[in-house]
């Protein structure tokens, strides 16, 4: 999947428009549109700003943009890095809640 397509999916899944991402990231709406339309390649600063605005791990965004080599483990889903980042950002109490929820979901048929 191309980075622009991936970024548009991220916006769609949040119900965001490019203007909202522009406000949150500090990147102009025009630059965002050019990346989404694949007429501009994202650079490191763009990826850092997008990661912060979307609250995603920088590594995930950099890999998606092709600025880092793909992870070695092909069997890991692309959302694993996001899961780990969210877990690490959580308080110990929230981490326990996340683990309880994950265990319950695994037990559910």
Protein backbone atom coordinates (compact mmCIF):
# COMPACT_ATOMS: atom_id res chain seq x y z
CA UNK A 1 0.00 0.00 0.00
CA UNK A 2 1.32 3.44 -0.92
CA UNK A 3 1.87 5.93 1.89
CA UNK A 4 -0.73 8.37 0.58
CA UNK A 5 -3.38 5.66 0.52
CA UNK A 6 -2.38 4.54 4.03
CA UNK A 7 -2.54 8.12 5.33
CA UNK A 8 -5.99 8.65 3.82
CA UNK A 9 -7.17 5.42 5.49
CA UNK A 10 -5.84 6.73 8.81
CA UNK A 11 -7.84 9.92 8.36
CA UNK A 12 -10.97 8.04 7.29
CA UNK A 13 -10.80 5.68 10.26
CA UNK A 14 -10.75 8.70 12.59
CA UNK A 15 -13.39 10.65 10.70
CA UNK A 16 -10.86 13.42 10.05
CA UNK A 17 -10.38 15.68 7.05
CA UNK A 18 -7.02 16.83 5.77
CA UNK A 19 -7.60 20.24 7.36
CA UNK A 20 -7.80 18.68 10.83
CA UNK A 21 -4.58 16.78 10.26
CA UNK A 22 -2.98 20.00 9.06
CA UNK A 23 -3.99 21.82 12.25
CA UNK A 24 -2.82 19.00 14.51
CA UNK A 25 0.46 18.39 12.69
CA UNK A 26 1.49 21.91 11.74
CA UNK A 27 1.88 20.78 8.13
CA UNK A 28 0.05 22.71 5.44
CA UNK A 29 -3.09 21.17 3.98
CA UNK A 30 -1.47 21.51 0.55
CA UNK A 31 1.55 19.42 1.57
CA UNK A 32 -0.72 16.78 3.07
CA UNK A 33 -2.83 16.68 -0.10
CA UNK A 34 0.28 16.27 -2.27
CA UNK A 35 1.47 13.33 -0.15
CA UNK A 36 -1.97 11.70 -0.19
CA UNK A 37 -2.14 12.18 -3.97
CA UNK A 38 1.39 10.71 -4.31
CA UNK A 39 2.78 13.83 -5.97
CA UNK A 40 5.14 14.44 -3.03
CA UNK A 41 7.14 11.94 -1.01
CA UNK A 42 7.03 12.25 2.78
CA UNK A 43 10.29 13.14 4.48
CA UNK A 44 11.41 12.54 8.06
CA UNK A 45 9.98 15.80 9.48
CA UNK A 46 6.65 15.19 7.76
CA UNK A 47 6.52 11.66 9.21
CA UNK A 48 7.39 12.85 12.72
CA UNK A 49 4.65 15.48 12.63
CA UNK A 50 2.10 12.98 11.26
CA UNK A 51 3.02 10.38 13.90
CA UNK A 52 2.56 12.93 16.67
CA UNK A 53 -0.74 14.23 15.25
CA UNK A 54 -2.15 10.72 14.78
CA UNK A 55 -0.67 9.51 18.09
CA UNK A 56 1.13 6.67 16.35
CA UNK A 57 4.67 5.42 16.89
CA UNK A 58 7.16 7.25 14.66
CA UNK A 59 8.64 3.91 13.64
CA UNK A 60 5.29 2.76 12.26
CA UNK A 61 4.88 5.92 10.15
CA UNK A 62 8.51 5.84 8.95
CA UNK A 63 8.16 2.19 7.90
CA UNK A 64 4.91 2.91 6.09
CA UNK A 65 6.59 5.82 4.28
CA UNK A 66 9.46 3.56 3.21
CA UNK A 67 12.00 5.50 5.27
CA UNK A 68 12.84 2.42 7.36
CA UNK A 69 13.22 -1.11 6.11
CA UNK A 70 10.29 -3.44 6.73
CA UNK A 71 10.31 -5.33 9.99
CA UNK A 72 11.96 -8.72 9.94
CA UNK A 73 8.95 -10.60 11.28
CA UNK A 74 6.45 -10.84 8.46
CA UNK A 75 3.91 -12.65 10.65
CA UNK A 76 3.46 -9.61 12.94
CA UNK A 77 0.39 -7.57 11.98
CA UNK A 78 1.05 -3.91 11.10
CA UNK A 79 -1.02 -2.82 14.10
CA UNK A 80 1.30 -4.52 16.60
CA UNK A 81 3.63 -1.52 16.78
CA UNK A 82 0.65 0.74 17.46
CA UNK A 83 -0.63 -1.63 20.17
CA UNK A 84 2.77 -1.66 21.89
CA UNK A 85 3.08 2.14 21.71
CA UNK A 86 -0.38 2.65 23.18
CA UNK A 87 0.34 0.13 25.93
CA UNK A 88 3.60 1.88 26.82
CA UNK A 89 1.89 5.28 26.95
CA UNK A 90 -0.77 4.00 29.35
CA UNK A 91 -0.67 4.23 33.13
CA UNK A 92 -0.06 0.96 34.99
CA UNK A 93 -3.78 0.79 35.81
CA UNK A 94 -4.73 1.23 32.15
CA UNK A 95 -2.15 -1.37 31.14
CA UNK A 96 -3.85 -3.86 33.44
CA UNK A 97 -7.23 -2.93 31.91
CA UNK A 98 -5.82 -3.48 28.42
CA UNK A 99 -4.47 -6.88 29.38
CA UNK A 100 -7.79 -7.86 30.97
CA UNK A 101 -9.64 -6.81 27.84
CA UNK A 102 -7.24 -8.68 25.55
CA UNK A 103 -7.54 -11.84 27.64
CA UNK A 104 -11.35 -11.59 27.61
CA UNK A 105 -11.40 -11.13 23.84
CA UNK A 106 -9.18 -14.18 23.36
CA UNK A 107 -11.49 -16.32 25.52
CA UNK A 108 -14.57 -15.14 23.62
CA UNK A 109 -15.68 -17.56 20.93
